[in-house]
Amino acid sequence: MTATVDFYDGRGRHAVLLGSLQGDAEPERLRALACGRLLLDATDPVTYADAVANLLDVWTNDRHGHGYHPRDGQPWLRPDSHTTSWVFAFDHGRVWITTGRAWQPADTTDRGLQAEPGCTR
């Protein structure tokens, strides 16, 4: 299934977009890549941001889909993540994931969380 994914440093109005993915980018697929595991298990913002940057390149280079760096602007038609399949954010010392409902910690949910078709944020 083709998914869209956004990665942020922080949550809410002051969150900073670190990049986006398009492709089969469910959390369990990200965990299959070394930089994806590092991203999901990050405990500090620098490790998280570096892993996101690495993943964006690996995702494109290994032909998993497309990785979009923030320097290229928001790749989606909307200027936010309201229609994005998955949103990942580093906040308060851990990675959080949402599919449009409540935020859940990545370390306990990414192996079983399912995207909801047509969800909105």
PDB file of N, CA and C in Angstrom:
ATOM      1  N   MET A   1       0.839  -1.179   0.000  1.00  0.00           N
ATOM      2  CA  MET A   1       0.000   0.000   0.000  1.00  0.00           C
ATOM      3  C   MET A   1       0.881   1.239   0.000  1.00  0.00           C
ATOM      4  N   THR A   2       0.589   2.184  -0.844  1.00  0.00           N
ATOM      5  CA  THR A   2       1.350   3.424  -0.871  1.00  0.00           C
ATOM      6  C   THR A   2       0.892   4.312   0.276  1.00  0.00           C
ATOM      7  N   ALA A   3       1.856   4.733   1.050  1.00  0.00           N
ATOM      8  CA  ALA A   3       1.570   5.591   2.196  1.00  0.00           C
ATOM      9  C   ALA A   3       2.350   6.887   2.054  1.00  0.00           C
ATOM     10  N   THR A   4       1.899   7.911   2.740  1.00  0.00           N
ATOM     11  CA  THR A   4       2.647   9.149   2.864  1.00  0.00           C
ATOM     12  C   THR A   4       2.993   9.314   4.333  1.00  0.00           C
ATOM     13  N   VAL A   5       4.203   9.766   4.584  1.00  0.00           N
ATOM     14  CA  VAL A   5       4.721   9.855   5.944  1.00  0.00           C
ATOM     15  C   VAL A   5       5.421  11.195   6.121  1.00  0.00           C
ATOM     16  N   ASP A   6       5.177  11.845   7.239  1.00  0.00           N
ATOM     17  CA  ASP A   6       5.897  13.068   7.595  1.00  0.00           C
ATOM     18  C   ASP A   6       6.629  12.839   8.912  1.00  0.00           C
ATOM     19  N   PHE A   7       7.818  13.425   9.018  1.00  0.00           N
ATOM     20  CA  PHE A   7       8.640  13.335  10.223  1.00  0.00           C
ATOM     21  C   PHE A   7       8.860  14.740  10.774  1.00  0.00           C
ATOM     22  N   TYR A   8       8.626  14.897  12.072  1.00  0.00           N
ATOM     23  CA  TYR A   8       8.757  16.206  12.716  1.00  0.00           C
ATOM     24  C   TYR A   8       9.655  16.134  13.940  1.00  0.00           C
ATOM     25  N   ASP A   9      10.280  17.262  14.223  1.00  0.00           N
ATOM     26  CA  ASP A   9      10.920  17.472  15.514  1.00  0.00           C
ATOM     27  C   ASP A   9       9.916  18.274  16.320  1.00  0.00           C
ATOM     28  N   GLY A  10       9.304  17.633  17.308  1.00  0.00           N
ATOM     29  CA  GLY A  10       8.274  18.265  18.120  1.00  0.00           C
ATOM     30  C   GLY A  10       6.887  17.999  17.560  1.00  0.00           C
ATOM     31  N   ARG A  11       5.889  18.406  18.345  1.00  0.00           N
ATOM     32  CA  ARG A  11       4.491  18.277  17.946  1.00  0.00           C
ATOM     33  C   ARG A  11       3.804  19.614  18.146  1.00  0.00           C
ATOM     34  N   GLY A  12       2.721  19.806  17.458  1.00  0.00           N
ATOM     35  CA  GLY A  12       1.962  21.046  17.619  1.00  0.00           C
ATOM     36  C   GLY A  12       2.432  22.142  16.683  1.00  0.00           C
ATOM     37  N   ARG A  13       2.052  23.368  17.030  1.00  0.00           N
ATOM     38  CA  ARG A  13       2.324  24.517  16.153  1.00  0.00           C
ATOM     39  C   ARG A  13       3.798  24.799  15.927  1.00  0.00           C
ATOM     40  N   HIS A  14       4.648  24.406  16.867  1.00  0.00           N
ATOM     41  CA  HIS A  14       6.072  24.718  16.739  1.00  0.00           C
ATOM     42  C   HIS A  14       6.888  23.552  16.198  1.00  0.00           C
ATOM     43  N   ALA A  15       6.227  22.495  15.745  1.00  0.00           N
ATOM     44  CA  ALA A  15       6.930  21.341  15.188  1.00  0.00           C
ATOM     45  C   ALA A  15       7.656  21.745  13.904  1.00  0.00           C
ATOM     46  N   VAL A  16       8.816  21.139  13.690  1.00  0.00           N
ATOM     47  CA  VAL A  16       9.627  21.429  12.509  1.00  0.00           C
ATOM     48  C   VAL A  16       9.640  20.191  11.616  1.00  0.00           C
ATOM     49  N   LEU A  17       9.240  20.368  10.361  1.00  0.00           N
ATOM     50  CA  LEU A  17       9.249  19.271   9.405  1.00  0.00           C
ATOM     51  C   LEU A  17      10.684  18.871   9.085  1.00  0.00           C
ATOM     52  N   LEU A  18      10.998  17.578   9.264  1.00  0.00           N
ATOM     53  CA  LEU A  18      12.333  17.065   8.967  1.00  0.00           C
ATOM     54  C   LEU A  18      12.385  16.328   7.634  1.00  0.00           C
ATOM     55  N   GLY A  19      11.225  15.956   7.104  1.00  0.00           N
ATOM     56  CA  GLY A  19      11.185  15.275   5.821  1.00  0.00           C
ATOM     57  C   GLY A  19       9.938  14.432   5.674  1.00  0.00           C
ATOM     58  N   SER A  20       9.797  13.851   4.479  1.00  0.00           N
ATOM     59  CA  SER A  20       8.612  13.065   4.152  1.00  0.00           C
ATOM     60  C   SER A  20       8.998  11.877   3.285  1.00  0.00           C
ATOM     61  N   LEU A  21       8.178  10.834   3.349  1.00  0.00           N
ATOM     62  CA  LEU A  21       8.346   9.653   2.508  1.00  0.00           C
ATOM     63  C   LEU A  21       7.053   9.359   1.775  1.00  0.00           C
ATOM     64  N   GLN A  22       7.203   8.726   0.629  1.00  0.00           N
ATOM     65  CA  GLN A  22       6.062   8.185  -0.091  1.00  0.00           C
ATOM     66  C   GLN A  22       6.441   6.782  -0.534  1.00  0.00           C
ATOM     67  N   GLY A  23       5.563   5.841  -0.354  1.00  0.00           N
ATOM     68  CA  GLY A  23       5.825   4.450  -0.706  1.00  0.00           C
ATOM     69  C   GLY A  23       5.236   3.545   0.358  1.00  0.00           C
ATOM     70  N   ASP A  24       5.700   2.305   0.381  1.00  0.00           N
ATOM     71  CA  ASP A  24       5.227   1.330   1.372  1.00  0.00           C
ATOM     72  C   ASP A  24       5.954   1.616   2.684  1.00  0.00           C
ATOM     73  N   ALA A  25       5.533   2.667   3.381  1.00  0.00           N
ATOM     74  CA  ALA A  25       6.289   3.233   4.503  1.00  0.00           C
ATOM     75  C   ALA A  25       5.616   3.045   5.852  1.00  0.00           C
ATOM     76  N   GLU A  26       4.951   1.917   6.049  1.00  0.00           N
ATOM     77  CA  GLU A  26       4.370   1.643   7.351  1.00  0.00           C
ATOM     78  C   GLU A  26       5.499   1.445   8.361  1.00  0.00           C
ATOM     79  N   PRO A  27       5.240   1.664   9.645  1.00  0.00           N
ATOM     80  CA  PRO A  27       6.311   1.561  10.650  1.00  0.00           C
ATOM     81  C   PRO A  27       7.077   0.247  10.619  1.00  0.00           C
ATOM     82  N   GLU A  28       6.406  -0.872  10.402  1.00  0.00           N
ATOM     83  CA  GLU A  28       7.124  -2.148  10.382  1.00  0.00           C
ATOM     84  C   GLU A  28       8.091  -2.225   9.204  1.00  0.00           C
ATOM     85  N   ARG A  29       7.783  -1.560   8.099  1.00  0.00           N
ATOM     86  CA  ARG A  29       8.717  -1.506   6.961  1.00  0.00           C
ATOM     87  C   ARG A  29       9.912  -0.618   7.286  1.00  0.00           C
ATOM     88  N   LEU A  30       9.670   0.472   8.001  1.00  0.00           N
ATOM     89  CA  LEU A  30      10.776   1.340   8.394  1.00  0.00           C
ATOM     90  C   LEU A  30      11.722   0.600   9.330  1.00  0.00           C
ATOM     91  N   ARG A  31      11.160  -0.187  10.236  1.00  0.00           N
ATOM     92  CA  ARG A  31      11.971  -0.923  11.206  1.00  0.00           C
ATOM     93  C   ARG A  31      12.877  -1.956  10.528  1.00  0.00           C
ATOM     94  N   ALA A  32      12.537  -2.380   9.313  1.00  0.00           N
ATOM     95  CA  ALA A  32      13.347  -3.353   8.584  1.00  0.00           C
ATOM     96  C   ALA A  32      14.667  -2.747   8.084  1.00  0.00           C
ATOM     97  N   LEU A  33      14.778  -1.427   8.091  1.00  0.00           N
ATOM     98  CA  LEU A  33      15.997  -0.738   7.660  1.00  0.00           C
ATOM     99  C   LEU A  33      16.753  -0.242   8.888  1.00  0.00           C
ATOM    100  N   ALA A  34      18.073  -0.306   8.836  1.00  0.00           N
ATOM    101  CA  ALA A  34      18.892   0.113   9.985  1.00  0.00           C
ATOM    102  C   ALA A  34      18.585   1.550  10.398  1.00  0.00           C
ATOM    103  N   CYS A  35      18.505   2.468   9.434  1.00  0.00           N
ATOM    104  CA  CYS A  35      18.222   3.866   9.795  1.00  0.00           C
ATOM    105  C   CYS A  35      16.793   4.027  10.290  1.00  0.00           C
ATOM    106  N   GLY A  36      15.881   3.174   9.846  1.00  0.00           N
ATOM    107  CA  GLY A  36      14.509   3.208  10.350  1.00  0.00           C
ATOM    108  C   GLY A  36      14.432   2.751  11.795  1.00  0.00           C
ATOM    109  N   ARG A  37      15.183   1.697  12.129  1.00  0.00           N
ATOM    110  CA  ARG A  37      15.226   1.233  13.528  1.00  0.00           C
ATOM    111  C   ARG A  37      15.826   2.314  14.420  1.00  0.00           C
ATOM    112  N   LEU A  38      16.900   2.940  13.942  1.00  0.00           N
ATOM    113  CA  LEU A  38      17.540   4.007  14.721  1.00  0.00           C
ATOM    114  C   LEU A  38      16.552   5.149  14.950  1.00  0.00           C
ATOM    115  N   LEU A  39      15.811   5.502  13.937  1.00  0.00           N
ATOM    116  CA  LEU A  39      14.812   6.568  14.036  1.00  0.00           C
ATOM    117  C   LEU A  39      13.733   6.203  15.054  1.00  0.00           C
ATOM    118  N   LEU A  40      13.166   5.020  14.935  1.00  0.00           N
ATOM    119  CA  LEU A  40      12.067   4.616  15.823  1.00  0.00           C
ATOM    120  C   LEU A  40      12.492   4.440  17.269  1.00  0.00           C
ATOM    121  N   ASP A  41      13.757   4.084  17.486  1.00  0.00           N
ATOM    122  CA  ASP A  41      14.259   3.849  18.840  1.00  0.00           C
ATOM    123  C   ASP A  41      15.021   5.037  19.427  1.00  0.00           C
ATOM    124  N   ALA A  42      15.062   6.156  18.713  1.00  0.00           N
ATOM    125  CA  ALA A  42      15.842   7.322  19.154  1.00  0.00           C
ATOM    126  C   ALA A  42      15.371   7.817  20.524  1.00  0.00           C
ATOM    127  N   THR A  43      16.342   8.258  21.318  1.00  0.00           N
ATOM    128  CA  THR A  43      16.039   8.830  22.627  1.00  0.00           C
ATOM    129  C   THR A  43      16.539  10.271  22.747  1.00  0.00           C
ATOM    130  N   ASP A  44      17.083  10.804  21.650  1.00  0.00           N
ATOM    131  CA  ASP A  44      17.496  12.206  21.643  1.00  0.00           C
ATOM    132  C   ASP A  44      17.208  12.792  20.261  1.00  0.00           C
ATOM    133  N   PRO A  45      16.974  14.100  20.197  1.00  0.00           N
ATOM    134  CA  PRO A  45      16.544  14.722  18.939  1.00  0.00           C
ATOM    135  C   PRO A  45      17.599  14.699  17.840  1.00  0.00           C
ATOM    136  N   VAL A  46      18.877  14.721  18.186  1.00  0.00           N
ATOM    137  CA  VAL A  46      19.930  14.706  17.163  1.00  0.00           C
ATOM    138  C   VAL A  46      19.979  13.352  16.466  1.00  0.00           C
ATOM    139  N   THR A  47      19.932  12.273  17.245  1.00  0.00           N
ATOM    140  CA  THR A  47      19.911  10.927  16.652  1.00  0.00           C
ATOM    141  C   THR A  47      18.696  10.775  15.755  1.00  0.00           C
ATOM    142  N   TYR A  48      17.539  11.226  16.225  1.00  0.00           N
ATOM    143  CA  TYR A  48      16.303  11.145  15.454  1.00  0.00           C
ATOM    144  C   TYR A  48      16.433  11.918  14.137  1.00  0.00           C
ATOM    145  N   ALA A  49      16.866  13.167  14.193  1.00  0.00           N
ATOM    146  CA  ALA A  49      16.982  13.995  12.990  1.00  0.00           C
ATOM    147  C   ALA A  49      17.990  13.413  12.008  1.00  0.00           C
ATOM    148  N   ASP A  50      19.114  12.921  12.503  1.00  0.00           N
ATOM    149  CA  ASP A  50      20.113  12.302  11.625  1.00  0.00           C
ATOM    150  C   ASP A  50      19.555  11.044  10.966  1.00  0.00           C
ATOM    151  N   ALA A  51      18.828  10.238  11.731  1.00  0.00           N
ATOM    152  CA  ALA A  51      18.241   9.010  11.181  1.00  0.00           C
ATOM    153  C   ALA A  51      17.181   9.333  10.131  1.00  0.00           C
ATOM    154  N   VAL A  52      16.389  10.377  10.348  1.00  0.00           N
ATOM    155  CA  VAL A  52      15.398  10.795   9.356  1.00  0.00           C
ATOM    156  C   VAL A  52      16.101  11.201   8.064  1.00  0.00           C
ATOM    157  N   ALA A  53      17.124  12.047   8.162  1.00  0.00           N
ATOM    158  CA  ALA A  53      17.855  12.494   6.969  1.00  0.00           C
ATOM    159  C   ALA A  53      18.442  11.307   6.214  1.00  0.00           C
ATOM    160  N   ASN A  54      18.994  10.370   6.950  1.00  0.00           N
ATOM    161  CA  ASN A  54      19.562   9.170   6.338  1.00  0.00           C
ATOM    162  C   ASN A  54      18.475   8.347   5.647  1.00  0.00           C
ATOM    163  N   LEU A  55      17.339   8.165   6.321  1.00  0.00           N
ATOM    164  CA  LEU A  55      16.247   7.380   5.781  1.00  0.00           C
ATOM    165  C   LEU A  55      15.705   7.988   4.487  1.00  0.00           C
ATOM    166  N   LEU A  56      15.613   9.293   4.414  1.00  0.00           N
ATOM    167  CA  LEU A  56      15.107   9.943   3.202  1.00  0.00           C
ATOM    168  C   LEU A  56      15.957   9.577   1.991  1.00  0.00           C
ATOM    169  N   ASP A  57      17.278   9.546   2.169  1.00  0.00           N
ATOM    170  CA  ASP A  57      18.177   9.179   1.074  1.00  0.00           C
ATOM    171  C   ASP A  57      18.112   7.692   0.764  1.00  0.00           C
ATOM    172  N   VAL A  58      18.151   6.853   1.803  1.00  0.00           N
ATOM    173  CA  VAL A  58      18.106   5.405   1.620  1.00  0.00           C
ATOM    174  C   VAL A  58      16.802   5.004   0.940  1.00  0.00           C
ATOM    175  N   TRP A  59      15.706   5.618   1.342  1.00  0.00           N
ATOM    176  CA  TRP A  59      14.393   5.278   0.803  1.00  0.00           C
ATOM    177  C   TRP A  59      14.368   5.461  -0.720  1.00  0.00           C
ATOM    178  N   THR A  60      14.919   6.574  -1.179  1.00  0.00           N
ATOM    179  CA  THR A  60      14.957   6.847  -2.619  1.00  0.00           C
ATOM    180  C   THR A  60      16.009   5.981  -3.308  1.00  0.00           C
ATOM    181  N   ASN A  61      17.206   5.946  -2.761  1.00  0.00           N
ATOM    182  CA  ASN A  61      18.309   5.213  -3.390  1.00  0.00           C
ATOM    183  C   ASN A  61      18.034   3.723  -3.524  1.00  0.00           C
ATOM    184  N   ASP A  62      17.375   3.138  -2.545  1.00  0.00           N
ATOM    185  CA  ASP A  62      17.072   1.704  -2.574  1.00  0.00           C
ATOM    186  C   ASP A  62      15.732   1.409  -3.247  1.00  0.00           C
ATOM    187  N   ARG A  63      15.131   2.437  -3.823  1.00  0.00           N
ATOM    188  CA  ARG A  63      13.881   2.316  -4.596  1.00  0.00           C
ATOM    189  C   ARG A  63      12.685   1.782  -3.792  1.00  0.00           C
ATOM    190  N   HIS A  64      12.606   2.219  -2.544  1.00  0.00           N
ATOM    191  CA  HIS A  64      11.425   1.899  -1.736  1.00  0.00           C
ATOM    192  C   HIS A  64      10.285   2.866  -2.061  1.00  0.00           C
ATOM    193  N   GLY A  65      10.625   4.002  -2.616  1.00  0.00           N
ATOM    194  CA  GLY A  65       9.667   5.061  -2.916  1.00  0.00           C
ATOM    195  C   GLY A  65      10.436   6.364  -3.040  1.00  0.00           C
ATOM    196  N   HIS A  66       9.827   7.443  -2.605  1.00  0.00           N
ATOM    197  CA  HIS A  66      10.463   8.758  -2.696  1.00  0.00           C
ATOM    198  C   HIS A  66      10.667   9.347  -1.305  1.00  0.00           C
ATOM    199  N   GLY A  67      11.855   9.915  -1.081  1.00  0.00           N
ATOM    200  CA  GLY A  67      12.155  10.640   0.145  1.00  0.00           C
ATOM    201  C   GLY A  67      12.261  12.116  -0.187  1.00  0.00           C
ATOM    202  N   TYR A  68      11.645  12.950   0.614  1.00  0.00           N
ATOM    203  CA  TYR A  68      11.626  14.391   0.366  1.00  0.00           C
ATOM    204  C   TYR A  68      12.267  15.128   1.531  1.00  0.00           C
ATOM    205  N   HIS A  69      13.322  15.868   1.246  1.00  0.00           N
ATOM    206  CA  HIS A  69      13.987  16.686   2.261  1.00  0.00           C
ATOM    207  C   HIS A  69      13.238  18.011   2.422  1.00  0.00           C
ATOM    208  N   PRO A  70      13.287  18.616   3.604  1.00  0.00           N
ATOM    209  CA  PRO A  70      12.560  19.874   3.830  1.00  0.00           C
ATOM    210  C   PRO A  70      13.017  21.008   2.920  1.00  0.00           C
ATOM    211  N   ARG A  71      14.265  20.967   2.473  1.00  0.00           N
ATOM    212  CA  ARG A  71      14.763  22.027   1.576  1.00  0.00           C
ATOM    213  C   ARG A  71      13.973  22.060   0.259  1.00  0.00           C
ATOM    214  N   ASP A  72      13.301  20.933  -0.056  1.00  0.00           N
ATOM    215  CA  ASP A  72      12.509  20.843  -1.282  1.00  0.00           C
ATOM    216  C   ASP A  72      11.064  21.283  -1.066  1.00  0.00           C
ATOM    217  N   GLY A  73      10.707  21.635   0.166  1.00  0.00           N
ATOM    218  CA  GLY A  73       9.356  22.074   0.485  1.00  0.00           C
ATOM    219  C   GLY A  73       8.432  20.906   0.787  1.00  0.00           C
ATOM    220  N   GLN A  74       7.248  21.210   1.243  1.00  0.00           N
ATOM    221  CA  GLN A  74       6.232  20.206   1.570  1.00  0.00           C
ATOM    222  C   GLN A  74       5.802  19.524   0.269  1.00  0.00           C
ATOM    223  N   PRO A  75       5.934  18.201   0.164  1.00  0.00           N
ATOM    224  CA  PRO A  75       5.613  17.521  -1.095  1.00  0.00           C
ATOM    225  C   PRO A  75       4.121  17.289  -1.340  1.00  0.00           C
ATOM    226  N   TRP A  76       3.305  17.451  -0.317  1.00  0.00           N
ATOM    227  CA  TRP A  76       1.884  17.147  -0.465  1.00  0.00           C
ATOM    228  C   TRP A  76       1.119  18.399  -0.877  1.00  0.00           C
ATOM    229  N   LEU A  77      -0.088  18.218  -1.347  1.00  0.00           N
ATOM    230  CA  LEU A  77      -0.899  19.344  -1.809  1.00  0.00           C
ATOM    231  C   LEU A  77      -1.280  20.286  -0.674  1.00  0.00           C
ATOM    232  N   ARG A  78      -1.401  19.750   0.534  1.00  0.00           N
ATOM    233  CA  ARG A  78      -1.731  20.582   1.695  1.00  0.00           C
ATOM    234  C   ARG A  78      -0.441  21.037   2.368  1.00  0.00           C
ATOM    235  N   PRO A  79      -0.450  22.182   3.013  1.00  0.00           N
ATOM    236  CA  PRO A  79       0.762  22.673   3.675  1.00  0.00           C
ATOM    237  C   PRO A  79       1.000  22.060   5.059  1.00  0.00           C
ATOM    238  N   ASP A  80       0.234  21.018   5.406  1.00  0.00           N
ATOM    239  CA  ASP A  80       0.378  20.379   6.711  1.00  0.00           C
ATOM    240  C   ASP A  80       0.242  18.867   6.532  1.00  0.00           C
ATOM    241  N   SER A  81       0.095  18.149   7.609  1.00  0.00           N
ATOM    242  CA  SER A  81       0.039  16.681   7.561  1.00  0.00           C
ATOM    243  C   SER A  81      -1.370  16.132   7.738  1.00  0.00           C
ATOM    244  N   HIS A  82      -2.375  16.929   7.482  1.00  0.00           N
ATOM    245  CA  HIS A  82      -3.757  16.492   7.731  1.00  0.00           C
ATOM    246  C   HIS A  82      -4.204  15.295   6.900  1.00  0.00           C
ATOM    247  N   THR A  83      -3.613  15.066   5.758  1.00  0.00           N
ATOM    248  CA  THR A  83      -4.005  13.918   4.940  1.00  0.00           C
ATOM    249  C   THR A  83      -2.886  12.890   4.816  1.00  0.00           C
ATOM    250  N   THR A  84      -1.861  13.019   5.630  1.00  0.00           N
ATOM    251  CA  THR A  84      -0.732  12.099   5.603  1.00  0.00           C
ATOM    252  C   THR A  84      -1.122  10.796   6.307  1.00  0.00           C
ATOM    253  N   SER A  85      -0.684   9.658   5.753  1.00  0.00           N
ATOM    254  CA  SER A  85      -1.025   8.355   6.333  1.00  0.00           C
ATOM    255  C   SER A  85      -0.451   8.179   7.734  1.00  0.00           C
ATOM    256  N   TRP A  86       0.805   8.553   7.898  1.00  0.00           N
ATOM    257  CA  TRP A  86       1.516   8.391   9.171  1.00  0.00           C
ATOM    258  C   TRP A  86       2.254   9.676   9.498  1.00  0.00           C
ATOM    259  N   VAL A  87       2.293  10.036  10.753  1.00  0.00           N
ATOM    260  CA  VAL A  87       3.105  11.167  11.208  1.00  0.00           C
ATOM    261  C   VAL A  87       3.950  10.676  12.376  1.00  0.00           C
ATOM    262  N   PHE A  88       5.250  10.912  12.277  1.00  0.00           N
ATOM    263  CA  PHE A  88       6.204  10.563  13.323  1.00  0.00           C
ATOM    264  C   PHE A  88       6.758  11.861  13.889  1.00  0.00           C
ATOM    265  N   ALA A  89       6.926  11.919  15.192  1.00  0.00           N
ATOM    266  CA  ALA A  89       7.475  13.121  15.821  1.00  0.00           C
ATOM    267  C   ALA A  89       8.369  12.722  16.988  1.00  0.00           C
ATOM    268  N   PHE A  90       9.448  13.470  17.149  1.00  0.00           N
ATOM    269  CA  PHE A  90      10.279  13.298  18.337  1.00  0.00           C
ATOM    270  C   PHE A  90       9.879  14.379  19.315  1.00  0.00           C
ATOM    271  N   ASP A  91       9.487  13.955  20.531  1.00  0.00           N
ATOM    272  CA  ASP A  91       9.022  14.908  21.535  1.00  0.00           C
ATOM    273  C   ASP A  91       9.199  14.282  22.916  1.00  0.00           C
ATOM    274  N   HIS A  92       9.689  15.058  23.858  1.00  0.00           N
ATOM    275  CA  HIS A  92       9.853  14.603  25.241  1.00  0.00           C
ATOM    276  C   HIS A  92      10.651  13.302  25.344  1.00  0.00           C
ATOM    277  N   GLY A  93      11.754  13.219  24.591  1.00  0.00           N
ATOM    278  CA  GLY A  93      12.680  12.100  24.740  1.00  0.00           C
ATOM    279  C   GLY A  93      12.301  10.800  24.071  1.00  0.00           C
ATOM    280  N   ARG A  94      11.292  10.841  23.181  1.00  0.00           N
ATOM    281  CA  ARG A  94      10.905   9.609  22.491  1.00  0.00           C
ATOM    282  C   ARG A  94      10.208   9.921  21.177  1.00  0.00           C
ATOM    283  N   VAL A  95      10.028   8.885  20.373  1.00  0.00           N
ATOM    284  CA  VAL A  95       9.335   9.015  19.095  1.00  0.00           C
ATOM    285  C   VAL A  95       7.860   8.677  19.293  1.00  0.00           C
ATOM    286  N   TRP A  96       7.003   9.487  18.685  1.00  0.00           N
ATOM    287  CA  TRP A  96       5.557   9.308  18.752  1.00  0.00           C
ATOM    288  C   TRP A  96       5.032   9.105  17.338  1.00  0.00           C
ATOM    289  N   ILE A  97       3.938   8.331  17.213  1.00  0.00           N
ATOM    290  CA  ILE A  97       3.317   8.048  15.916  1.00  0.00           C
ATOM    291  C   ILE A  97       1.826   8.316  16.020  1.00  0.00           C
ATOM    292  N   THR A  98       1.274   8.871  14.930  1.00  0.00           N
ATOM    293  CA  THR A  98      -0.175   8.998  14.843  1.00  0.00           C
ATOM    294  C   THR A  98      -0.628   8.696  13.418  1.00  0.00           C
ATOM    295  N   THR A  99      -1.843   8.204  13.319  1.00  0.00           N
ATOM    296  CA  THR A  99      -2.506   8.028  12.025  1.00  0.00           C
ATOM    297  C   THR A  99      -3.705   8.958  11.959  1.00  0.00           C
ATOM    298  N   GLY A 100      -3.707   9.955  12.811  1.00  0.00           N
ATOM    299  CA  GLY A 100      -4.789  10.929  12.805  1.00  0.00           C
ATOM    300  C   GLY A 100      -5.610  10.937  14.064  1.00  0.00           C
ATOM    301  N   ARG A 101      -5.388   9.999  14.911  1.00  0.00           N
ATOM    302  CA  ARG A 101      -6.108   9.961  16.186  1.00  0.00           C
ATOM    303  C   ARG A 101      -5.109  10.324  17.284  1.00  0.00           C
ATOM    304  N   ALA A 102      -5.075   9.606  18.346  1.00  0.00           N
ATOM    305  CA  ALA A 102      -4.165   9.909  19.453  1.00  0.00           C
ATOM    306  C   ALA A 102      -2.724   9.563  19.091  1.00  0.00           C
ATOM    307  N   TRP A 103      -1.800  10.345  19.642  1.00  0.00           N
ATOM    308  CA  TRP A 103      -0.378  10.030  19.516  1.00  0.00           C
ATOM    309  C   TRP A 103      -0.065   8.830  20.402  1.00  0.00           C
ATOM    310  N   GLN A 104       0.759   7.918  19.895  1.00  0.00           N
ATOM    311  CA  GLN A 104       1.174   6.748  20.651  1.00  0.00           C
ATOM    312  C   GLN A 104       2.689   6.627  20.592  1.00  0.00           C
ATOM    313  N   PRO A 105       3.322   6.171  21.657  1.00  0.00           N
ATOM    314  CA  PRO A 105       4.780   6.005  21.631  1.00  0.00           C
ATOM    315  C   PRO A 105       5.188   4.933  20.624  1.00  0.00           C
ATOM    316  N   ALA A 106       6.196   5.224  19.825  1.00  0.00           N
ATOM    317  CA  ALA A 106       6.643   4.288  18.792  1.00  0.00           C
ATOM    318  C   ALA A 106       7.175   2.994  19.377  1.00  0.00           C
ATOM    319  N   ASP A 107       7.836   3.066  20.509  1.00  0.00           N
ATOM    320  CA  ASP A 107       8.470   1.861  21.051  1.00  0.00           C
ATOM    321  C   ASP A 107       7.468   0.807  21.494  1.00  0.00           C
ATOM    322  N   THR A 108       6.219   1.175  21.652  1.00  0.00           N
ATOM    323  CA  THR A 108       5.223   0.187  22.071  1.00  0.00           C
ATOM    324  C   THR A 108       4.137  -0.045  21.030  1.00  0.00           C
ATOM    325  N   THR A 109       4.075   0.789  19.989  1.00  0.00           N
ATOM    326  CA  THR A 109       2.943   0.681  19.080  1.00  0.00           C
ATOM    327  C   THR A 109       3.303   0.437  17.630  1.00  0.00           C
ATOM    328  N   ASP A 110       4.521   0.706  17.205  1.00  0.00           N
ATOM    329  CA  ASP A 110       4.770   0.676  15.765  1.00  0.00           C
ATOM    330  C   ASP A 110       4.680  -0.716  15.162  1.00  0.00           C
ATOM    331  N   ARG A 111       4.731  -1.755  15.968  1.00  0.00           N
ATOM    332  CA  ARG A 111       4.661  -3.101  15.414  1.00  0.00           C
ATOM    333  C   ARG A 111       3.231  -3.561  15.164  1.00  0.00           C
ATOM    334  N   GLY A 112       2.240  -2.831  15.668  1.00  0.00           N
ATOM    335  CA  GLY A 112       0.872  -3.273  15.490  1.00  0.00           C
ATOM    336  C   GLY A 112      -0.084  -2.187  15.036  1.00  0.00           C
ATOM    337  N   LEU A 113       0.383  -0.966  14.920  1.00  0.00           N
ATOM    338  CA  LEU A 113      -0.469   0.154  14.536  1.00  0.00           C
ATOM    339  C   LEU A 113      -0.816   0.066  13.053  1.00  0.00           C
ATOM    340  N   GLN A 114      -2.060   0.253  12.709  1.00  0.00           N
ATOM    341  CA  GLN A 114      -2.504   0.190  11.320  1.00  0.00           C
ATOM    342  C   GLN A 114      -3.013   1.560  10.888  1.00  0.00           C
ATOM    343  N   ALA A 115      -2.656   1.944   9.666  1.00  0.00           N
ATOM    344  CA  ALA A 115      -3.163   3.209   9.125  1.00  0.00           C
ATOM    345  C   ALA A 115      -4.655   3.067   8.855  1.00  0.00           C
ATOM    346  N   GLU A 116      -5.355   4.147   9.061  1.00  0.00           N
ATOM    347  CA  GLU A 116      -6.781   4.161   8.806  1.00  0.00           C
ATOM    348  C   GLU A 116      -7.013   4.895   7.495  1.00  0.00           C
ATOM    349  N   PRO A 117      -7.611   4.249   6.501  1.00  0.00           N
ATOM    350  CA  PRO A 117      -7.841   4.912   5.214  1.00  0.00           C
ATOM    351  C   PRO A 117      -8.676   6.165   5.383  1.00  0.00           C
ATOM    352  N   GLY A 118      -8.262   7.237   4.729  1.00  0.00           N
ATOM    353  CA  GLY A 118      -9.034   8.460   4.725  1.00  0.00           C
ATOM    354  C   GLY A 118      -9.068   9.210   6.037  1.00  0.00           C
ATOM    355  N   CYS A 119      -8.162   8.891   6.958  1.00  0.00           N
ATOM    356  CA  CYS A 119      -8.196   9.589   8.247  1.00  0.00           C
ATOM    357  C   CYS A 119      -7.731  11.025   8.075  1.00  0.00           C
ATOM    358  N   THR A 120      -8.121  11.870   8.976  1.00  0.00           N
ATOM    359  CA  THR A 120      -7.700  13.266   8.958  1.00  0.00           C
ATOM    360  C   THR A 120      -7.129  13.625  10.294  1.00  0.00           C
ATOM    361  N   ARG A 121      -6.274  14.608  10.301  1.00  0.00           N
ATOM    362  CA  ARG A 121      -5.658  15.081  11.527  1.00  0.00           C
ATOM    363  C   ARG A 121      -6.265  16.380  11.935  1.00  0.00           C
TER     364      ARG A 121
END
